[in-house]
């Protein structure tokens, strides 16, 4: 459920730093993991650096 919530917020344009605080992460690097769950709107696979 936590991943679904994070994915929903990211797909609706919530800034990653806001999501990081909302999830209680001490590092934004932890939150960046959730970006892997968000599909690229162009239909291609998104990559996270």
Protein backbone atom coordinates (compact mmCIF):
# COMPACT_ATOMS: atom_id res chain seq x y z
CA UNK A 1 0.00 0.00 0.00
CA UNK A 2 2.90 2.35 0.74
CA UNK A 3 4.33 1.83 -2.75
CA UNK A 4 0.91 2.39 -4.33
CA UNK A 5 0.48 5.64 -2.41
CA UNK A 6 3.94 6.90 -3.42
CA UNK A 7 3.39 5.90 -7.05
CA UNK A 8 0.01 7.64 -7.17
CA UNK A 9 1.47 10.88 -5.78
CA UNK A 10 4.43 10.85 -8.18
CA UNK A 11 2.18 10.18 -11.17
CA UNK A 12 0.11 13.20 -10.17
CA UNK A 13 3.09 15.55 -10.10
CA UNK A 14 3.88 15.71 -6.38
CA UNK A 15 7.51 16.89 -5.95
CA UNK A 16 9.94 14.17 -4.86
CA UNK A 17 11.17 16.23 -1.89
CA UNK A 18 7.58 16.57 -0.59
CA UNK A 19 7.01 12.83 -0.99
CA UNK A 20 10.28 12.09 0.80
CA UNK A 21 9.18 14.11 3.84
CA UNK A 22 5.68 12.62 3.74
CA UNK A 23 7.09 9.09 3.79
CA UNK A 24 9.48 9.99 6.61
CA UNK A 25 12.66 9.24 4.67
CA UNK A 26 15.84 10.78 6.04
CA UNK A 27 17.42 10.70 2.57
CA UNK A 28 15.87 11.58 -0.77
CA UNK A 29 17.91 8.70 -2.22
CA UNK A 30 15.53 6.31 -0.48
CA UNK A 31 12.55 8.04 -2.07
CA UNK A 32 14.11 7.87 -5.54
CA UNK A 33 13.51 4.10 -5.45
CA UNK A 34 9.81 4.84 -5.96
CA UNK A 35 10.56 6.50 -9.31
CA UNK A 36 11.21 3.02 -10.70
CA UNK A 37 7.50 2.29 -10.17
CA UNK A 38 6.26 5.22 -12.24
CA UNK A 39 5.71 4.49 -15.94
CA UNK A 40 7.00 6.89 -18.55
CA UNK A 41 4.01 8.67 -20.14
CA UNK A 42 5.57 8.20 -23.60
CA UNK A 43 5.24 4.45 -23.22
CA UNK A 44 8.97 3.79 -23.11
CA UNK A 45 10.76 2.48 -20.07
CA UNK A 46 12.10 5.12 -17.71
CA UNK A 47 15.59 4.77 -16.28
CA UNK A 48 16.79 6.14 -12.98
CA UNK A 49 20.39 7.32 -12.91
